[in-house]
Amino acid sequence: MEQQPNQPSPENIMKIGTGFWASKILLTAVSFKLFTRLAEKKTMKAKDVKDLLGLKCTDRNVYDFLDALTVFGFLKREGVWDTAIYSNTVDADTFLDTNKPSYIGGILEMMNNRLYTFWGNLGDGLLTGLPQNETKRSEDFFGLIYQDPEKLKEFTSAMSGIQMGNFMAFAQKFDFTKYKTLIDVGGSAGLLSIMVAKHNPHMHCTSFDLPPVEPIANATILQFGLSDSVKAASGDFFTMPIPNADIVVMGNILHDWDEGNKIALMQKAYDALPPGGAFVAIEGIIDDERKQNVFGMMMSLNMLIETGTGFDYTFADFNKWANIVGFKSTSIVPLAGPSSAAIAYK
């Protein structure tokens, strides 16, 4: 029977309620490096996928797995059942092949390895206001990551993955003609600096992060062949001044902290800028009416899971803090997907 307009429907309830099923299918495919292997082979049959991945489940389970990924838009399929031949879609081939510099799967790897389990405790986080990650075992989250080379590599890859599209968009949408130098505070693997220098050859950029990250950033800079215009530098942006530059960028940094620390970091950025300089925060800026950017709201809940006190914010929030610090004006530039660059001018 056709559903009448305005009649109640369980469709959205079930879609959201079972959302973790879809998520885990994608995360598992990424953990298996399925898209990388398909990129290498170009096309594969389900039996070949089963053999290559060493899957012990039934053939039907494999078809369910691959066909679900097809319906989700990550795979293409010609034929059905034993005649089916699978290949990557353009998006999967571009962003989920580990051999390509455009790979963004690092954030998905971290979601699978860390966040999937921690988000199972969201209710506890809301009830207690406390983080639900490694800190529940009395471990320092950032300290643990920066002391463990494997965890640090996973974390920097995750930060690169979640921001790559934004960095590419920012490098091409922002007007750099009035500026010569940029410092990316908490720059991780250095990809923002690399993208800016690649698209704006007159710019000299510095990726600034804690000492254990510097070798990772240097390796990435070398990979892109931009050592003449991009440098890596070490330091702690809480305990030392931010080095001077015409543009100070923070990508997914402000949302880690409570309001007091957000303002303190914006003040440090202000102090590092010349008159006319720009401070840029690249994050999932939530729309002021809080009706559209659900990703920003979910990321804000992720900050509860990870830090307890951090949160994502609206452009109105950003304007308030910029005014407190003393910036003259602000603007916002939409980037990739749900993210934007909130900009404050000195």
C-alpha atoms as a PDB file:
ATOM      1  CA  MET A   1       0.000   0.000   0.000  1.00  0.00           C
ATOM      2  CA  GLU A   2       1.354   3.423  -0.946  1.00  0.00           C
ATOM      3  CA  GLN A   3       2.107   5.585   2.067  1.00  0.00           C
ATOM      4  CA  GLN A   4      -0.056   8.688   2.285  1.00  0.00           C
ATOM      5  CA  PRO A   5       1.511  12.139   2.816  1.00  0.00           C
ATOM      6  CA  ASN A   6       2.057  13.073   6.463  1.00  0.00           C
ATOM      7  CA  GLN A   7       1.574   9.478   7.573  1.00  0.00           C
ATOM      8  CA  PRO A   8       4.084   8.285  10.197  1.00  0.00           C
ATOM      9  CA  SER A   9       6.933   6.146   8.852  1.00  0.00           C
ATOM     10  CA  PRO A  10       9.620   4.150  10.677  1.00  0.00           C
ATOM     11  CA  GLU A  11      12.049   4.526   7.730  1.00  0.00           C
ATOM     12  CA  ASN A  12      14.266   7.261   9.179  1.00  0.00           C
ATOM     13  CA  ILE A  13      14.191   5.714  12.647  1.00  0.00           C
ATOM     14  CA  MET A  14      15.494   2.422  11.290  1.00  0.00           C
ATOM     15  CA  LYS A  15      17.983   4.121   8.957  1.00  0.00           C
ATOM     16  CA  ILE A  16      19.605   6.037  11.808  1.00  0.00           C
ATOM     17  CA  GLY A  17      19.174   3.296  14.388  1.00  0.00           C
ATOM     18  CA  THR A  18      21.026   0.797  12.219  1.00  0.00           C
ATOM     19  CA  GLY A  19      23.544   3.356  11.024  1.00  0.00           C
ATOM     20  CA  PHE A  20      26.396   1.610  12.805  1.00  0.00           C
ATOM     21  CA  TRP A  21      25.827  -1.408  10.536  1.00  0.00           C
ATOM     22  CA  ALA A  22      26.606   0.654   7.444  1.00  0.00           C
ATOM     23  CA  SER A  23      29.510   2.348   9.184  1.00  0.00           C
ATOM     24  CA  LYS A  24      31.090  -0.937  10.202  1.00  0.00           C
ATOM     25  CA  ILE A  25      30.782  -2.333   6.677  1.00  0.00           C
ATOM     26  CA  LEU A  26      32.777   0.602   5.288  1.00  0.00           C
ATOM     27  CA  LEU A  27      35.280   0.630   8.158  1.00  0.00           C
ATOM     28  CA  THR A  28      35.871  -3.093   7.730  1.00  0.00           C
ATOM     29  CA  ALA A  29      36.445  -2.697   3.998  1.00  0.00           C
ATOM     30  CA  VAL A  30      39.016   0.019   4.712  1.00  0.00           C
ATOM     31  CA  SER A  31      40.725  -2.140   7.356  1.00  0.00           C
ATOM     32  CA  PHE A  32      40.941  -4.978   4.801  1.00  0.00           C
ATOM     33  CA  LYS A  33      42.464  -2.508   2.285  1.00  0.00           C
ATOM     34  CA  LEU A  34      39.789  -3.711  -0.121  1.00  0.00           C
ATOM     35  CA  PHE A  35      39.781  -0.496  -2.172  1.00  0.00           C
ATOM     36  CA  THR A  36      43.573  -0.502  -2.469  1.00  0.00           C
ATOM     37  CA  ARG A  37      43.554  -4.066  -3.744  1.00  0.00           C
ATOM     38  CA  LEU A  38      40.757  -3.333  -6.185  1.00  0.00           C
ATOM     39  CA  ALA A  39      42.719  -0.321  -7.449  1.00  0.00           C
ATOM     40  CA  GLU A  40      45.672  -2.621  -8.104  1.00  0.00           C
ATOM     41  CA  LYS A  41      43.618  -5.347  -9.807  1.00  0.00           C
ATOM     42  CA  LYS A  42      41.153  -2.951 -11.519  1.00  0.00           C
ATOM     43  CA  THR A  43      38.349  -5.571 -11.319  1.00  0.00           C
ATOM     44  CA  MET A  44      37.740  -8.653  -9.189  1.00  0.00           C
ATOM     45  CA  LYS A  45      35.146 -11.376  -8.759  1.00  0.00           C
ATOM     46  CA  ALA A  46      33.719 -12.078  -5.318  1.00  0.00           C
ATOM     47  CA  LYS A  47      35.603 -15.397  -5.144  1.00  0.00           C
ATOM     48  CA  ASP A  48      38.884 -13.599  -5.851  1.00  0.00           C
ATOM     49  CA  VAL A  49      38.135 -11.051  -3.120  1.00  0.00           C
ATOM     50  CA  LYS A  50      37.332 -13.886  -0.712  1.00  0.00           C
ATOM     51  CA  ASP A  51      40.575 -15.706  -1.489  1.00  0.00           C
ATOM     52  CA  LEU A  52      42.766 -12.582  -1.443  1.00  0.00           C
ATOM     53  CA  LEU A  53      41.392 -11.389   1.905  1.00  0.00           C
ATOM     54  CA  GLY A  54      41.418 -14.872   3.426  1.00  0.00           C
ATOM     55  CA  LEU A  55      37.722 -14.756   4.345  1.00  0.00           C
ATOM     56  CA  LYS A  56      36.325 -17.956   5.919  1.00  0.00           C
ATOM     57  CA  CYS A  57      32.651 -16.946   5.776  1.00  0.00           C
ATOM     58  CA  THR A  58      30.179 -18.292   3.214  1.00  0.00           C
ATOM     59  CA  ASP A  59      30.080 -17.035  -0.366  1.00  0.00           C
ATOM     60  CA  ARG A  60      26.714 -15.431   0.386  1.00  0.00           C
ATOM     61  CA  ASN A  61      28.282 -13.411   3.199  1.00  0.00           C
ATOM     62  CA  VAL A  62      30.883 -12.115   0.753  1.00  0.00           C
ATOM     63  CA  TYR A  63      28.194 -11.138  -1.770  1.00  0.00           C
ATOM     64  CA  ASP A  64      26.234  -9.360   0.990  1.00  0.00           C
ATOM     65  CA  PHE A  65      29.388  -7.458   1.995  1.00  0.00           C
ATOM     66  CA  LEU A  66      30.370  -6.415  -1.537  1.00  0.00           C
ATOM     67  CA  ASP A  67      26.830  -5.695  -2.729  1.00  0.00           C
ATOM     68  CA  ALA A  68      26.141  -3.514   0.313  1.00  0.00           C
ATOM     69  CA  LEU A  69      29.285  -1.519  -0.524  1.00  0.00           C
ATOM     70  CA  THR A  70      27.919  -1.262  -4.085  1.00  0.00           C
ATOM     71  CA  VAL A  71      24.556   0.079  -2.909  1.00  0.00           C
ATOM     72  CA  PHE A  72      26.380   2.568  -0.667  1.00  0.00           C
ATOM     73  CA  GLY A  73      28.219   3.879  -3.724  1.00  0.00           C
ATOM     74  CA  PHE A  74      31.755   2.676  -2.938  1.00  0.00           C
ATOM     75  CA  LEU A  75      31.901  -0.148  -5.508  1.00  0.00           C
ATOM     76  CA  LYS A  76      30.657  -0.663  -9.055  1.00  0.00           C
ATOM     77  CA  ARG A  77      29.292  -4.030 -10.146  1.00  0.00           C
ATOM     78  CA  GLU A  78      28.723  -5.660 -13.530  1.00  0.00           C
ATOM     79  CA  GLY A  79      26.596  -8.814 -13.392  1.00  0.00           C
ATOM     80  CA  VAL A  80      25.210 -10.512 -10.291  1.00  0.00           C
ATOM     81  CA  TRP A  81      26.145 -13.442  -8.072  1.00  0.00           C
ATOM     82  CA  ASP A  82      28.885 -15.600  -9.624  1.00  0.00           C
ATOM     83  CA  THR A  83      29.035 -13.432 -12.768  1.00  0.00           C
ATOM     84  CA  ALA A  84      29.508 -10.216 -10.741  1.00  0.00           C
ATOM     85  CA  ILE A  85      32.675  -8.242 -11.364  1.00  0.00           C
ATOM     86  CA  TYR A  86      33.492  -5.496  -8.852  1.00  0.00           C
ATOM     87  CA  SER A  87      35.569  -2.325  -9.165  1.00  0.00           C
ATOM     88  CA  ASN A  88      36.040   0.930  -7.273  1.00  0.00           C
ATOM     89  CA  THR A  89      33.850   3.955  -7.867  1.00  0.00           C
ATOM     90  CA  VAL A  90      35.678   7.205  -8.638  1.00  0.00           C
ATOM     91  CA  ASP A  91      35.343   8.394  -5.030  1.00  0.00           C
ATOM     92  CA  ALA A  92      36.644   5.150  -3.556  1.00  0.00           C
ATOM     93  CA  ASP A  93      39.487   4.975  -6.075  1.00  0.00           C
ATOM     94  CA  THR A  94      40.524   8.561  -5.312  1.00  0.00           C
ATOM     95  CA  PHE A  95      40.149   8.692  -1.550  1.00  0.00           C
ATOM     96  CA  LEU A  96      40.371   5.095  -0.271  1.00  0.00           C
ATOM     97  CA  ASP A  97      43.401   3.729  -2.136  1.00  0.00           C
ATOM     98  CA  THR A  98      46.322   3.836   0.311  1.00  0.00           C
ATOM     99  CA  ASN A  99      48.785   4.186  -2.565  1.00  0.00           C
ATOM    100  CA  LYS A 100      47.404   7.577  -3.632  1.00  0.00           C
ATOM    101  CA  PRO A 101      48.400  10.884  -1.947  1.00  0.00           C
ATOM    102  CA  SER A 102      44.685  11.780  -1.903  1.00  0.00           C
ATOM    103  CA  TYR A 103      43.974   8.898   0.549  1.00  0.00           C
ATOM    104  CA  ILE A 104      41.719  10.028   3.391  1.00  0.00           C
ATOM    105  CA  GLY A 105      41.140   6.637   4.992  1.00  0.00           C
ATOM    106  CA  GLY A 106      43.359   7.416   7.971  1.00  0.00           C
ATOM    107  CA  ILE A 107      40.420   8.899   9.869  1.00  0.00           C
ATOM    108  CA  LEU A 108      38.381   5.794   9.039  1.00  0.00           C
ATOM    109  CA  GLU A 109      41.189   3.560  10.302  1.00  0.00           C
ATOM    110  CA  MET A 110      41.217   5.465  13.589  1.00  0.00           C
ATOM    111  CA  MET A 111      37.429   5.293  13.805  1.00  0.00           C
ATOM    112  CA  ASN A 112      37.617   1.525  13.395  1.00  0.00           C
ATOM    113  CA  ASN A 113      40.556   0.988  15.758  1.00  0.00           C
ATOM    114  CA  ARG A 114      39.626   3.483  18.496  1.00  0.00           C
ATOM    115  CA  LEU A 115      36.461   5.524  18.157  1.00  0.00           C
ATOM    116  CA  TYR A 116      34.015   2.750  17.237  1.00  0.00           C
ATOM    117  CA  THR A 117      34.431   1.208  20.695  1.00  0.00           C
ATOM    118  CA  PHE A 118      34.560   4.507  22.575  1.00  0.00           C
ATOM    119  CA  TRP A 119      31.352   5.773  20.964  1.00  0.00           C
ATOM    120  CA  GLY A 120      29.592   2.773  22.481  1.00  0.00           C
ATOM    121  CA  ASN A 121      29.954   4.707  25.740  1.00  0.00           C
ATOM    122  CA  LEU A 122      28.356   7.956  24.539  1.00  0.00           C
ATOM    123  CA  GLY A 123      25.604   7.577  27.137  1.00  0.00           C
ATOM    124  CA  ASP A 124      28.200   7.434  29.921  1.00  0.00           C
ATOM    125  CA  GLY A 125      29.844  10.534  28.490  1.00  0.00           C
ATOM    126  CA  LEU A 126      26.584  12.458  28.513  1.00  0.00           C
ATOM    127  CA  LEU A 127      25.746  11.288  32.033  1.00  0.00           C
ATOM    128  CA  THR A 128      29.159  12.098  33.501  1.00  0.00           C
ATOM    129  CA  GLY A 129      30.598  14.813  31.245  1.00  0.00           C
ATOM    130  CA  LEU A 130      33.842  12.819  31.215  1.00  0.00           C
ATOM    131  CA  PRO A 131      35.888  11.562  28.239  1.00  0.00           C
ATOM    132  CA  GLN A 132      35.349   7.950  27.233  1.00  0.00           C
ATOM    133  CA  ASN A 133      38.667   7.137  25.551  1.00  0.00           C
ATOM    134  CA  GLU A 134      42.044   6.017  26.970  1.00  0.00           C
ATOM    135  CA  THR A 135      41.683   8.519  29.802  1.00  0.00           C
ATOM    136  CA  LYS A 136      39.179   6.166  31.462  1.00  0.00           C
ATOM    137  CA  ARG A 137      42.244   4.041  32.258  1.00  0.00           C
ATOM    138  CA  SER A 138      43.972   7.083  33.777  1.00  0.00           C
ATOM    139  CA  GLU A 139      46.046   7.549  30.634  1.00  0.00           C
ATOM    140  CA  ASP A 140      46.810  10.911  29.037  1.00  0.00           C
ATOM    141  CA  PHE A 141      45.157  10.793  25.605  1.00  0.00           C
ATOM    142  CA  PHE A 142      47.524  13.150  23.774  1.00  0.00           C
ATOM    143  CA  GLY A 143      50.513  11.939  25.791  1.00  0.00           C
ATOM    144  CA  LEU A 144      49.728   8.333  24.885  1.00  0.00           C
ATOM    145  CA  ILE A 145      49.441   9.175  21.194  1.00  0.00           C
ATOM    146  CA  TYR A 146      52.630  11.221  20.987  1.00  0.00           C
ATOM    147  CA  GLN A 147      54.693   8.666  22.913  1.00  0.00           C
ATOM    148  CA  ASP A 148      53.685   5.669  20.792  1.00  0.00           C
ATOM    149  CA  PRO A 149      55.064   5.838  17.215  1.00  0.00           C
ATOM    150  CA  GLU A 150      52.331   3.592  15.814  1.00  0.00           C
ATOM    151  CA  LYS A 151      49.499   5.501  17.505  1.00  0.00           C
ATOM    152  CA  LEU A 152      51.073   8.795  16.417  1.00  0.00           C
ATOM    153  CA  LYS A 153      51.292   7.601  12.821  1.00  0.00           C
ATOM    154  CA  GLU A 154      47.636   6.517  12.920  1.00  0.00           C
ATOM    155  CA  PHE A 155      46.572   9.824  14.509  1.00  0.00           C
ATOM    156  CA  THR A 156      48.435  12.033  12.007  1.00  0.00           C
ATOM    157  CA  SER A 157      47.056   9.957   9.148  1.00  0.00           C
ATOM    158  CA  ALA A 158      43.568  10.386  10.601  1.00  0.00           C
ATOM    159  CA  MET A 159      43.939  14.154  10.915  1.00  0.00           C
ATOM    160  CA  SER A 160      45.237  14.333   7.355  1.00  0.00           C
ATOM    161  CA  GLY A 161      42.370  12.210   6.086  1.00  0.00           C
ATOM    162  CA  ILE A 162      39.572  14.170   7.675  1.00  0.00           C
ATOM    163  CA  GLN A 163      40.978  17.509   6.488  1.00  0.00           C
ATOM    164  CA  MET A 164      42.506  16.805   3.064  1.00  0.00           C
ATOM    165  CA  GLY A 165      39.464  17.992   1.100  1.00  0.00           C
ATOM    166  CA  ASN A 166      39.257  21.120   3.245  1.00  0.00           C
ATOM    167  CA  PHE A 167      42.949  21.915   2.794  1.00  0.00           C
ATOM    168  CA  MET A 168      42.662  21.579  -0.982  1.00  0.00           C
ATOM    169  CA  ALA A 169      39.598  23.833  -1.036  1.00  0.00           C
ATOM    170  CA  PHE A 170      41.148  26.438   1.269  1.00  0.00           C
ATOM    171  CA  ALA A 171      44.337  26.574  -0.814  1.00  0.00           C
ATOM    172  CA  GLN A 172      42.260  27.492  -3.871  1.00  0.00           C
ATOM    173  CA  LYS A 173      39.405  29.564  -2.391  1.00  0.00           C
ATOM    174  CA  PHE A 174      41.279  31.905  -0.022  1.00  0.00           C
ATOM    175  CA  ASP A 175      42.895  35.028  -1.532  1.00  0.00           C
ATOM    176  CA  PHE A 176      46.614  34.734  -0.722  1.00  0.00           C
ATOM    177  CA  THR A 177      47.752  37.628  -2.915  1.00  0.00           C
ATOM    178  CA  LYS A 178      48.304  40.000   0.047  1.00  0.00           C
ATOM    179  CA  TYR A 179      50.283  37.478   2.098  1.00  0.00           C
ATOM    180  CA  LYS A 180      53.677  35.796   1.935  1.00  0.00           C
ATOM    181  CA  THR A 181      53.970  33.544   5.012  1.00  0.00           C
ATOM    182  CA  LEU A 182      51.708  31.021   6.725  1.00  0.00           C
ATOM    183  CA  ILE A 183      52.078  28.904   9.840  1.00  0.00           C
ATOM    184  CA  ASP A 184      49.809  25.934  10.448  1.00  0.00           C
ATOM    185  CA  VAL A 185      49.569  25.440  14.210  1.00  0.00           C
ATOM    186  CA  GLY A 186      49.100  21.787  15.076  1.00  0.00           C
ATOM    187  CA  GLY A 187      49.989  21.074  11.457  1.00  0.00           C
ATOM    188  CA  SER A 188      50.327  17.293  11.856  1.00  0.00           C
ATOM    189  CA  ALA A 189      51.703  15.781   8.620  1.00  0.00           C
ATOM    190  CA  GLY A 190      51.995  19.211   6.986  1.00  0.00           C
ATOM    191  CA  LEU A 191      49.338  18.756   4.317  1.00  0.00           C
ATOM    192  CA  LEU A 192      47.708  22.174   4.682  1.00  0.00           C
ATOM    193  CA  SER A 193      51.054  23.918   4.185  1.00  0.00           C
ATOM    194  CA  ILE A 194      51.771  21.641   1.236  1.00  0.00           C
ATOM    195  CA  MET A 195      48.432  22.340  -0.437  1.00  0.00           C
ATOM    196  CA  VAL A 196      48.777  26.116   0.045  1.00  0.00           C
ATOM    197  CA  ALA A 197      52.323  26.147  -1.366  1.00  0.00           C
ATOM    198  CA  LYS A 198      51.344  23.896  -4.260  1.00  0.00           C
ATOM    199  CA  HIS A 199      48.547  26.201  -5.395  1.00  0.00           C
ATOM    200  CA  ASN A 200      50.223  29.494  -4.385  1.00  0.00           C
ATOM    201  CA  PRO A 201      53.920  29.318  -5.329  1.00  0.00           C
ATOM    202  CA  HIS A 202      54.748  32.695  -3.733  1.00  0.00           C
ATOM    203  CA  MET A 203      53.767  31.437  -0.257  1.00  0.00           C
ATOM    204  CA  HIS A 204      56.270  30.158   2.305  1.00  0.00           C
ATOM    205  CA  CYS A 205      54.603  27.863   4.821  1.00  0.00           C
ATOM    206  CA  THR A 206      55.553  26.269   8.138  1.00  0.00           C
ATOM    207  CA  SER A 207      53.876  23.245   9.714  1.00  0.00           C
ATOM    208  CA  PHE A 208      54.189  23.663  13.497  1.00  0.00           C
ATOM    209  CA  ASP A 209      53.574  20.770  15.896  1.00  0.00           C
ATOM    210  CA  LEU A 210      55.142  18.838  18.786  1.00  0.00           C
ATOM    211  CA  PRO A 211      58.660  17.399  18.227  1.00  0.00           C
ATOM    212  CA  PRO A 212      57.602  13.759  17.568  1.00  0.00           C
ATOM    213  CA  VAL A 213      55.540  14.937  14.575  1.00  0.00           C
ATOM    214  CA  GLU A 214      58.357  16.796  12.796  1.00  0.00           C
ATOM    215  CA  PRO A 215      59.855  13.703  11.063  1.00  0.00           C
ATOM    216  CA  ILE A 216      56.394  12.746   9.762  1.00  0.00           C
ATOM    217  CA  ALA A 217      55.845  16.240   8.353  1.00  0.00           C
ATOM    218  CA  ASN A 218      59.336  16.337   6.822  1.00  0.00           C
ATOM    219  CA  ALA A 219      58.711  13.012   5.085  1.00  0.00           C
ATOM    220  CA  THR A 220      55.435  14.300   3.634  1.00  0.00           C
ATOM    221  CA  ILE A 221      57.032  17.545   2.460  1.00  0.00           C
ATOM    222  CA  LEU A 222      59.797  15.551   0.763  1.00  0.00           C
ATOM    223  CA  GLN A 223      57.222  13.265  -0.859  1.00  0.00           C
ATOM    224  CA  PHE A 224      55.517  16.263  -2.481  1.00  0.00           C
ATOM    225  CA  GLY A 225      58.836  17.862  -3.510  1.00  0.00           C
ATOM    226  CA  LEU A 226      58.102  21.175  -1.774  1.00  0.00           C
ATOM    227  CA  SER A 227      61.094  21.502   0.581  1.00  0.00           C
ATOM    228  CA  ASP A 228      61.934  24.960  -0.808  1.00  0.00           C
ATOM    229  CA  SER A 229      58.617  26.493   0.221  1.00  0.00           C
ATOM    230  CA  VAL A 230      57.392  24.320   3.126  1.00  0.00           C
ATOM    231  CA  LYS A 231      59.206  23.693   6.411  1.00  0.00           C
ATOM    232  CA  ALA A 232      58.391  21.761   9.573  1.00  0.00           C
ATOM    233  CA  ALA A 233      59.023  23.278  13.004  1.00  0.00           C
ATOM    234  CA  SER A 234      58.613  21.923  16.530  1.00  0.00           C
ATOM    235  CA  GLY A 235      57.058  23.505  19.572  1.00  0.00           C
ATOM    236  CA  ASP A 236      54.200  23.485  22.076  1.00  0.00           C
ATOM    237  CA  PHE A 237      51.595  26.104  21.176  1.00  0.00           C
ATOM    238  CA  PHE A 238      50.400  26.282  24.782  1.00  0.00           C
ATOM    239  CA  THR A 239      53.782  26.845  26.465  1.00  0.00           C
ATOM    240  CA  MET A 240      55.503  29.036  23.862  1.00  0.00           C
ATOM    241  CA  PRO A 241      54.497  31.874  21.517  1.00  0.00           C
ATOM    242  CA  ILE A 242      53.291  31.014  18.055  1.00  0.00           C
ATOM    243  CA  PRO A 243      55.990  32.031  15.518  1.00  0.00           C
ATOM    244  CA  ASN A 244      55.142  35.152  13.515  1.00  0.00           C
ATOM    245  CA  ALA A 245      53.440  34.807  10.132  1.00  0.00           C
ATOM    246  CA  ASP A 246      51.017  36.698   7.883  1.00  0.00           C
ATOM    247  CA  ILE A 247      48.451  33.898   8.263  1.00  0.00           C
ATOM    248  CA  VAL A 248      47.983  31.620  11.277  1.00  0.00           C
ATOM    249  CA  VAL A 249      45.874  28.523  10.656  1.00  0.00           C
ATOM    250  CA  MET A 250      44.460  26.004  13.119  1.00  0.00           C
ATOM    251  CA  GLY A 251      42.744  22.982  11.566  1.00  0.00           C
ATOM    252  CA  ASN A 252      40.660  20.923  14.010  1.00  0.00           C
ATOM    253  CA  ILE A 253      42.544  22.469  16.937  1.00  0.00           C
ATOM    254  CA  LEU A 254      40.164  24.918  18.631  1.00  0.00           C
ATOM    255  CA  HIS A 255      37.458  22.276  19.058  1.00  0.00           C
ATOM    256  CA  ASP A 256      39.742  20.221  21.330  1.00  0.00           C
ATOM    257  CA  TRP A 257      39.446  22.752  24.130  1.00  0.00           C
ATOM    258  CA  ASP A 258      37.002  24.545  26.430  1.00  0.00           C
ATOM    259  CA  GLU A 259      35.990  28.154  25.766  1.00  0.00           C
ATOM    260  CA  GLY A 260      38.750  29.683  27.907  1.00  0.00           C
ATOM    261  CA  ASN A 261      41.470  27.809  26.065  1.00  0.00           C
ATOM    262  CA  LYS A 262      39.877  28.570  22.695  1.00  0.00           C
ATOM    263  CA  ILE A 263      40.120  32.290  23.452  1.00  0.00           C
ATOM    264  CA  ALA A 264      43.684  31.888  24.754  1.00  0.00           C
ATOM    265  CA  LEU A 265      44.745  30.176  21.519  1.00  0.00           C
ATOM    266  CA  MET A 266      43.087  32.869  19.413  1.00  0.00           C
ATOM    267  CA  GLN A 267      44.970  35.465  21.468  1.00  0.00           C
ATOM    268  CA  LYS A 268      48.252  33.684  20.728  1.00  0.00           C
ATOM    269  CA  ALA A 269      47.380  33.726  17.041  1.00  0.00           C
ATOM    270  CA  TYR A 270      46.538  37.430  17.225  1.00  0.00           C
ATOM    271  CA  ASP A 271      49.896  38.169  18.851  1.00  0.00           C
ATOM    272  CA  ALA A 272      51.731  36.300  16.056  1.00  0.00           C
ATOM    273  CA  LEU A 273      50.059  38.296  13.257  1.00  0.00           C
ATOM    274  CA  PRO A 274      50.982  41.647  11.718  1.00  0.00           C
ATOM    275  CA  PRO A 275      48.270  44.288  11.181  1.00  0.00           C
ATOM    276  CA  GLY A 276      46.039  42.997   8.409  1.00  0.00           C
ATOM    277  CA  GLY A 277      47.067  39.403   9.111  1.00  0.00           C
ATOM    278  CA  ALA A 278      44.529  36.593   9.166  1.00  0.00           C
ATOM    279  CA  PHE A 279      43.721  33.886  11.689  1.00  0.00           C
ATOM    280  CA  VAL A 280      41.942  30.886  10.131  1.00  0.00           C
ATOM    281  CA  ALA A 281      40.123  28.068  11.943  1.00  0.00           C
ATOM    282  CA  ILE A 282      39.227  25.152   9.669  1.00  0.00           C
ATOM    283  CA  GLU A 283      36.588  22.984  11.328  1.00  0.00           C
ATOM    284  CA  GLY A 284      33.026  21.734  11.049  1.00  0.00           C
ATOM    285  CA  ILE A 285      31.565  25.147  11.876  1.00  0.00           C
ATOM    286  CA  ILE A 286      27.959  24.589  12.996  1.00  0.00           C
ATOM    287  CA  ASP A 287      25.306  26.801  11.371  1.00  0.00           C
ATOM    288  CA  ASP A 288      24.001  29.469  13.753  1.00  0.00           C
ATOM    289  CA  GLU A 289      20.458  28.066  13.616  1.00  0.00           C
ATOM    290  CA  ARG A 290      21.810  24.556  14.407  1.00  0.00           C
ATOM    291  CA  LYS A 291      19.555  22.992  11.775  1.00  0.00           C
ATOM    292  CA  GLN A 292      21.909  21.854   9.015  1.00  0.00           C
ATOM    293  CA  ASN A 293      25.439  20.836   9.988  1.00  0.00           C
ATOM    294  CA  VAL A 294      24.751  17.634  11.897  1.00  0.00           C
ATOM    295  CA  PHE A 295      28.332  16.518  11.184  1.00  0.00           C
ATOM    296  CA  GLY A 296      29.561  19.474  13.246  1.00  0.00           C
ATOM    297  CA  MET A 297      27.267  18.476  16.100  1.00  0.00           C
ATOM    298  CA  MET A 298      28.452  14.858  15.931  1.00  0.00           C
ATOM    299  CA  MET A 299      32.060  16.039  15.880  1.00  0.00           C
ATOM    300  CA  SER A 300      31.288  18.128  18.954  1.00  0.00           C
ATOM    301  CA  LEU A 301      30.021  14.974  20.696  1.00  0.00           C
ATOM    302  CA  ASN A 302      33.226  13.276  19.565  1.00  0.00           C
ATOM    303  CA  MET A 303      35.112  15.953  21.494  1.00  0.00           C
ATOM    304  CA  LEU A 304      33.126  14.932  24.573  1.00  0.00           C
ATOM    305  CA  ILE A 305      34.284  11.345  23.961  1.00  0.00           C
ATOM    306  CA  GLU A 306      37.898  12.410  23.413  1.00  0.00           C
ATOM    307  CA  THR A 307      38.436  15.372  25.754  1.00  0.00           C
ATOM    308  CA  GLY A 308      35.391  15.882  27.974  1.00  0.00           C
ATOM    309  CA  THR A 309      35.522  19.693  27.688  1.00  0.00           C
ATOM    310  CA  GLY A 310      36.127  20.362  23.991  1.00  0.00           C
ATOM    311  CA  PHE A 311      33.310  21.229  21.592  1.00  0.00           C
ATOM    312  CA  ASP A 312      32.583  22.409  18.061  1.00  0.00           C
ATOM    313  CA  TYR A 313      30.982  25.811  17.635  1.00  0.00           C
ATOM    314  CA  THR A 314      28.994  28.192  15.476  1.00  0.00           C
ATOM    315  CA  PHE A 315      30.271  31.164  13.494  1.00  0.00           C
ATOM    316  CA  ALA A 316      28.468  33.361  16.049  1.00  0.00           C
ATOM    317  CA  ASP A 317      30.622  31.766  18.767  1.00  0.00           C
ATOM    318  CA  PHE A 318      33.744  32.427  16.686  1.00  0.00           C
ATOM    319  CA  ASN A 319      32.732  36.075  16.186  1.00  0.00           C
ATOM    320  CA  LYS A 320      32.249  36.514  19.931  1.00  0.00           C
ATOM    321  CA  TRP A 321      35.719  35.163  20.709  1.00  0.00           C
ATOM    322  CA  ALA A 322      37.330  37.169  17.897  1.00  0.00           C
ATOM    323  CA  ASN A 323      35.764  40.323  19.309  1.00  0.00           C
ATOM    324  CA  ILE A 324      37.060  39.539  22.805  1.00  0.00           C
ATOM    325  CA  VAL A 325      40.593  39.079  21.447  1.00  0.00           C
ATOM    326  CA  GLY A 326      40.439  42.290  19.403  1.00  0.00           C
ATOM    327  CA  PHE A 327      40.234  41.180  15.770  1.00  0.00           C
ATOM    328  CA  LYS A 328      38.782  43.871  13.473  1.00  0.00           C
ATOM    329  CA  SER A 329      36.549  41.733  11.270  1.00  0.00           C
ATOM    330  CA  THR A 330      35.595  38.153  10.404  1.00  0.00           C
ATOM    331  CA  SER A 331      34.353  36.127   7.448  1.00  0.00           C
ATOM    332  CA  ILE A 332      33.521  32.515   6.691  1.00  0.00           C
ATOM    333  CA  VAL A 333      34.401  30.469   3.607  1.00  0.00           C
ATOM    334  CA  PRO A 334      32.623  27.130   2.961  1.00  0.00           C
ATOM    335  CA  LEU A 335      35.114  24.378   2.154  1.00  0.00           C
ATOM    336  CA  ALA A 336      34.566  20.667   1.526  1.00  0.00           C
ATOM    337  CA  GLY A 337      31.396  19.011   2.786  1.00  0.00           C
ATOM    338  CA  PRO A 338      30.337  20.225   6.226  1.00  0.00           C
ATOM    339  CA  SER A 339      33.523  22.167   7.013  1.00  0.00           C
ATOM    340  CA  SER A 340      34.352  25.869   6.685  1.00  0.00           C
ATOM    341  CA  ALA A 341      37.181  28.295   7.265  1.00  0.00           C
ATOM    342  CA  ALA A 342      36.270  30.850   9.933  1.00  0.00           C
ATOM    343  CA  ILE A 343      38.593  33.821   9.396  1.00  0.00           C
ATOM    344  CA  ALA A 344      39.449  36.707  11.726  1.00  0.00           C
ATOM    345  CA  TYR A 345      41.453  39.703  10.458  1.00  0.00           C
ATOM    346  CA  LYS A 346      43.739  41.758  12.709  1.00  0.00           C
END
